Amino acid sequence: MPFYTCHVPAGFLTDNQKGDLALAITRIHSDVTAAPPDLVHVIYNELAAADNYTAGEPSVDTIITGHIRAGRSDADKQRLLREVAGAGAAISRQPLDTIAVFIRDVPPKYILERGDIAPELGGEDAWLATHERTRAARLANNPTAPRV
């Protein structure tokens, strides 16, 4: 349900660095919010040199935007900001002042995942269990169904 988009200059990160940053973001989000890692999505958008500007000039800044379920404390959101930025700087080996992170609150009622509206904070385990049972039943009834 949390969805982090990483806008990076094209070719800026290796595939291994992308994987390391995705794991770091997942761990950080789960540590800070107690949300299950199974719900954390990380997507990369690579930007051509002519597609990334800061102050009207070409830029190699990295911008990470996290859409998270509303209801988290300001302290938790600020911790997410700092830790995600720190991980981005460490993994990319770039100065911290080249990393921007934004957190946006989204009410759970406006998030659809796995065919259902997202649970309120604290309801993740039951929600995941229900969806795992549904997935297992679908696979049992249709062995050729995609195993995603």
C-alpha atoms as a PDB file:
ATOM      1  CA  MET A   1       0.000   0.000   0.000  1.00  0.00           C
ATOM      2  CA  PRO A   2       2.796   2.447   0.634  1.00  0.00           C
ATOM      3  CA  PHE A   3       4.090   3.444  -2.756  1.00  0.00           C
ATOM      4  CA  TYR A   4       7.509   5.056  -3.117  1.00  0.00           C
ATOM      5  CA  THR A   5       8.538   6.534  -6.461  1.00  0.00           C
ATOM      6  CA  CYS A   6      12.232   7.252  -6.972  1.00  0.00           C
ATOM      7  CA  HIS A   7      12.995   9.760  -9.729  1.00  0.00           C
ATOM      8  CA  VAL A   8      16.668   9.398 -10.633  1.00  0.00           C
ATOM      9  CA  PRO A   9      18.833  10.523 -13.545  1.00  0.00           C
ATOM     10  CA  ALA A  10      19.026   7.823 -16.234  1.00  0.00           C
ATOM     11  CA  GLY A  11      21.866   5.407 -15.580  1.00  0.00           C
ATOM     12  CA  PHE A  12      22.548   7.006 -12.207  1.00  0.00           C
ATOM     13  CA  LEU A  13      21.951   3.859 -10.153  1.00  0.00           C
ATOM     14  CA  THR A  14      23.029   0.333 -10.967  1.00  0.00           C
ATOM     15  CA  ASP A  15      20.465  -2.449 -10.751  1.00  0.00           C
ATOM     16  CA  ASN A  16      22.136  -3.559  -7.502  1.00  0.00           C
ATOM     17  CA  GLN A  17      21.837  -0.049  -6.048  1.00  0.00           C
ATOM     18  CA  LYS A  18      18.160   0.054  -7.047  1.00  0.00           C
ATOM     19  CA  GLY A  19      17.616  -3.258  -5.286  1.00  0.00           C
ATOM     20  CA  ASP A  20      19.520  -2.080  -2.210  1.00  0.00           C
ATOM     21  CA  LEU A  21      17.514   1.143  -2.039  1.00  0.00           C
ATOM     22  CA  ALA A  22      14.213  -0.701  -2.506  1.00  0.00           C
ATOM     23  CA  LEU A  23      15.146  -3.032   0.367  1.00  0.00           C
ATOM     24  CA  ALA A  24      16.210  -0.081   2.517  1.00  0.00           C
ATOM     25  CA  ILE A  25      12.970   1.811   1.857  1.00  0.00           C
ATOM     26  CA  THR A  26      10.942  -1.323   2.620  1.00  0.00           C
ATOM     27  CA  ARG A  27      12.832  -1.926   5.874  1.00  0.00           C
ATOM     28  CA  ILE A  28      12.599   1.714   6.930  1.00  0.00           C
ATOM     29  CA  HIS A  29       8.885   1.934   6.190  1.00  0.00           C
ATOM     30  CA  SER A  30       8.195  -1.316   8.051  1.00  0.00           C
ATOM     31  CA  ASP A  31      10.394  -0.326  11.019  1.00  0.00           C
ATOM     32  CA  VAL A  32       8.815   3.111  11.367  1.00  0.00           C
ATOM     33  CA  THR A  33       5.179   2.200  10.737  1.00  0.00           C
ATOM     34  CA  ALA A  34       5.027  -1.509  11.721  1.00  0.00           C
ATOM     35  CA  ALA A  35       3.334  -2.157   8.353  1.00  0.00           C
ATOM     36  CA  PRO A  36       4.143  -5.544   6.783  1.00  0.00           C
ATOM     37  CA  PRO A  37       6.923  -5.390   4.167  1.00  0.00           C
ATOM     38  CA  ASP A  38       4.631  -7.273   1.742  1.00  0.00           C
ATOM     39  CA  LEU A  39       2.694  -4.048   1.252  1.00  0.00           C
ATOM     40  CA  VAL A  40       5.610  -1.733   0.361  1.00  0.00           C
ATOM     41  CA  HIS A  41       6.063  -0.870  -3.328  1.00  0.00           C
ATOM     42  CA  VAL A  42       9.120   0.901  -4.775  1.00  0.00           C
ATOM     43  CA  ILE A  43       9.124   2.121  -8.380  1.00  0.00           C
ATOM     44  CA  TYR A  44      11.951   3.812 -10.297  1.00  0.00           C
ATOM     45  CA  ASN A  45      11.578   6.451 -12.977  1.00  0.00           C
ATOM     46  CA  GLU A  46      14.794   7.211 -14.805  1.00  0.00           C
ATOM     47  CA  LEU A  47      14.916  10.746 -16.141  1.00  0.00           C
ATOM     48  CA  ALA A  48      16.848  11.878 -19.200  1.00  0.00           C
ATOM     49  CA  ALA A  49      19.194  14.829 -18.645  1.00  0.00           C
ATOM     50  CA  ALA A  50      16.644  17.179 -20.229  1.00  0.00           C
ATOM     51  CA  ASP A  51      13.889  15.942 -17.866  1.00  0.00           C
ATOM     52  CA  ASN A  52      15.356  16.839 -14.456  1.00  0.00           C
ATOM     53  CA  TYR A  53      15.785  20.452 -13.345  1.00  0.00           C
ATOM     54  CA  THR A  54      16.345  22.255 -10.071  1.00  0.00           C
ATOM     55  CA  ALA A  55      16.137  26.074  -9.984  1.00  0.00           C
ATOM     56  CA  GLY A  56      15.711  26.034 -13.760  1.00  0.00           C
ATOM     57  CA  GLU A  57      19.045  24.264 -14.334  1.00  0.00           C
ATOM     58  CA  PRO A  58      19.736  20.638 -15.295  1.00  0.00           C
ATOM     59  CA  SER A  59      20.009  18.555 -12.149  1.00  0.00           C
ATOM     60  CA  VAL A  60      21.214  15.191 -10.926  1.00  0.00           C
ATOM     61  CA  ASP A  61      19.087  15.396  -7.787  1.00  0.00           C
ATOM     62  CA  THR A  62      17.128  12.338  -6.722  1.00  0.00           C
ATOM     63  CA  ILE A  63      13.514  12.859  -5.713  1.00  0.00           C
ATOM     64  CA  ILE A  64      11.669  10.188  -3.727  1.00  0.00           C
ATOM     65  CA  THR A  65       7.941  10.511  -3.105  1.00  0.00           C
ATOM     66  CA  GLY A  66       6.185   8.217  -0.669  1.00  0.00           C
ATOM     67  CA  HIS A  67       2.406   7.847  -0.714  1.00  0.00           C
ATOM     68  CA  ILE A  68       1.452   6.356   2.638  1.00  0.00           C
ATOM     69  CA  ARG A  69      -1.815   5.667   4.418  1.00  0.00           C
ATOM     70  CA  ALA A  70      -2.972   8.687   6.374  1.00  0.00           C
ATOM     71  CA  GLY A  71      -2.931   8.542  10.146  1.00  0.00           C
ATOM     72  CA  ARG A  72       0.789   8.356  10.881  1.00  0.00           C
ATOM     73  CA  SER A  73       2.225  10.792  13.405  1.00  0.00           C
ATOM     74  CA  ASP A  74       4.300  13.771  12.316  1.00  0.00           C
ATOM     75  CA  ALA A  75       7.258  12.229  14.168  1.00  0.00           C
ATOM     76  CA  ASP A  76       6.925   9.007  12.151  1.00  0.00           C
ATOM     77  CA  LYS A  77       6.651  10.905   8.873  1.00  0.00           C
ATOM     78  CA  GLN A  78       9.714  13.001   9.690  1.00  0.00           C
ATOM     79  CA  ARG A  79      11.616   9.853  10.616  1.00  0.00           C
ATOM     80  CA  LEU A  80      10.628   8.345   7.241  1.00  0.00           C
ATOM     81  CA  LEU A  81      11.865  11.511   5.502  1.00  0.00           C
ATOM     82  CA  ARG A  82      15.241  11.481   7.240  1.00  0.00           C
ATOM     83  CA  GLU A  83      15.917   7.754   7.039  1.00  0.00           C
ATOM     84  CA  VAL A  84      14.842   7.359   3.408  1.00  0.00           C
ATOM     85  CA  ALA A  85      16.971  10.379   2.426  1.00  0.00           C
ATOM     86  CA  GLY A  86      19.926   8.965   4.357  1.00  0.00           C
ATOM     87  CA  ALA A  87      19.584   5.591   2.665  1.00  0.00           C
ATOM     88  CA  GLY A  88      19.301   7.265  -0.745  1.00  0.00           C
ATOM     89  CA  ALA A  89      22.468   9.275  -0.133  1.00  0.00           C
ATOM     90  CA  ALA A  90      24.428   6.308   1.233  1.00  0.00           C
ATOM     91  CA  ILE A  91      23.412   3.880  -1.503  1.00  0.00           C
ATOM     92  CA  SER A  92      23.863   6.353  -4.376  1.00  0.00           C
ATOM     93  CA  ARG A  93      27.072   7.696  -2.792  1.00  0.00           C
ATOM     94  CA  GLN A  94      25.755  11.224  -3.328  1.00  0.00           C
ATOM     95  CA  PRO A  95      25.582  14.142  -0.890  1.00  0.00           C
ATOM     96  CA  LEU A  96      22.466  14.282   1.266  1.00  0.00           C
ATOM     97  CA  ASP A  97      21.651  17.711  -0.173  1.00  0.00           C
ATOM     98  CA  THR A  98      21.018  16.089  -3.579  1.00  0.00           C
ATOM     99  CA  ILE A  99      18.212  13.901  -2.211  1.00  0.00           C
ATOM    100  CA  ALA A 100      14.664  15.241  -1.757  1.00  0.00           C
ATOM    101  CA  VAL A 101      11.973  13.138  -0.083  1.00  0.00           C
ATOM    102  CA  PHE A 102       8.261  13.903   0.095  1.00  0.00           C
ATOM    103  CA  ILE A 103       5.638  12.026   2.090  1.00  0.00           C
ATOM    104  CA  ARG A 104       1.997  12.309   1.072  1.00  0.00           C
ATOM    105  CA  ASP A 105      -0.897  11.049   3.178  1.00  0.00           C
ATOM    106  CA  VAL A 106      -3.600   9.078   1.391  1.00  0.00           C
ATOM    107  CA  PRO A 107      -6.747   8.023   3.254  1.00  0.00           C
ATOM    108  CA  PRO A 108      -6.981   4.195   3.115  1.00  0.00           C
ATOM    109  CA  LYS A 109     -10.458   4.444   1.592  1.00  0.00           C
ATOM    110  CA  TYR A 110      -8.769   5.874  -1.527  1.00  0.00           C
ATOM    111  CA  ILE A 111      -6.328   2.968  -1.972  1.00  0.00           C
ATOM    112  CA  LEU A 112      -7.220  -0.232  -3.816  1.00  0.00           C
ATOM    113  CA  GLU A 113      -4.789  -3.115  -3.704  1.00  0.00           C
ATOM    114  CA  ARG A 114      -5.231  -6.798  -4.428  1.00  0.00           C
ATOM    115  CA  GLY A 115      -8.770  -6.018  -5.517  1.00  0.00           C
ATOM    116  CA  ASP A 116      -9.894  -4.519  -2.216  1.00  0.00           C
ATOM    117  CA  ILE A 117      -9.912  -1.204  -0.368  1.00  0.00           C
ATOM    118  CA  ALA A 118      -6.910  -0.843   1.948  1.00  0.00           C
ATOM    119  CA  PRO A 119      -7.405  -1.447   5.654  1.00  0.00           C
ATOM    120  CA  GLU A 120      -7.243   1.258   8.277  1.00  0.00           C
ATOM    121  CA  LEU A 121      -3.983   1.434  10.236  1.00  0.00           C
ATOM    122  CA  GLY A 122      -3.589  -1.658  12.396  1.00  0.00           C
ATOM    123  CA  GLY A 123      -5.795  -3.862  10.189  1.00  0.00           C
ATOM    124  CA  GLU A 124      -3.016  -5.039   7.857  1.00  0.00           C
ATOM    125  CA  ASP A 125      -2.484  -8.550   9.252  1.00  0.00           C
ATOM    126  CA  ALA A 126      -6.158  -9.552   9.019  1.00  0.00           C
ATOM    127  CA  TRP A 127      -6.420  -7.925   5.582  1.00  0.00           C
ATOM    128  CA  LEU A 128      -3.343  -9.807   4.325  1.00  0.00           C
ATOM    129  CA  ALA A 129      -4.571 -13.104   5.813  1.00  0.00           C
ATOM    130  CA  THR A 130      -7.917 -12.752   4.031  1.00  0.00           C
ATOM    131  CA  HIS A 131      -6.195 -12.022   0.743  1.00  0.00           C
ATOM    132  CA  GLU A 132      -3.753 -14.913   1.174  1.00  0.00           C
ATOM    133  CA  ARG A 133      -6.660 -17.320   1.768  1.00  0.00           C
ATOM    134  CA  THR A 134      -8.408 -15.960  -1.342  1.00  0.00           C
ATOM    135  CA  ARG A 135      -5.214 -16.346  -3.383  1.00  0.00           C
ATOM    136  CA  ALA A 136      -4.642 -19.905  -2.115  1.00  0.00           C
ATOM    137  CA  ALA A 137      -8.230 -20.866  -2.984  1.00  0.00           C
ATOM    138  CA  ARG A 138      -7.877 -19.357  -6.464  1.00  0.00           C
ATOM    139  CA  LEU A 139      -4.686 -21.327  -7.058  1.00  0.00           C
ATOM    140  CA  ALA A 140      -6.257 -24.559  -5.764  1.00  0.00           C
ATOM    141  CA  ASN A 141      -9.192 -24.135  -8.127  1.00  0.00           C
ATOM    142  CA  ASN A 142      -7.044 -23.083 -11.065  1.00  0.00           C
ATOM    143  CA  PRO A 143      -3.510 -24.511 -11.017  1.00  0.00           C
ATOM    144  CA  THR A 144      -2.599 -22.550 -14.166  1.00  0.00           C
ATOM    145  CA  ALA A 145      -3.467 -19.175 -12.579  1.00  0.00           C
ATOM    146  CA  PRO A 146      -0.586 -16.689 -12.311  1.00  0.00           C
ATOM    147  CA  ARG A 147       1.280 -17.102  -9.022  1.00  0.00           C
ATOM    148  CA  VAL A 148       1.717 -13.447  -8.176  1.00  0.00           C
END
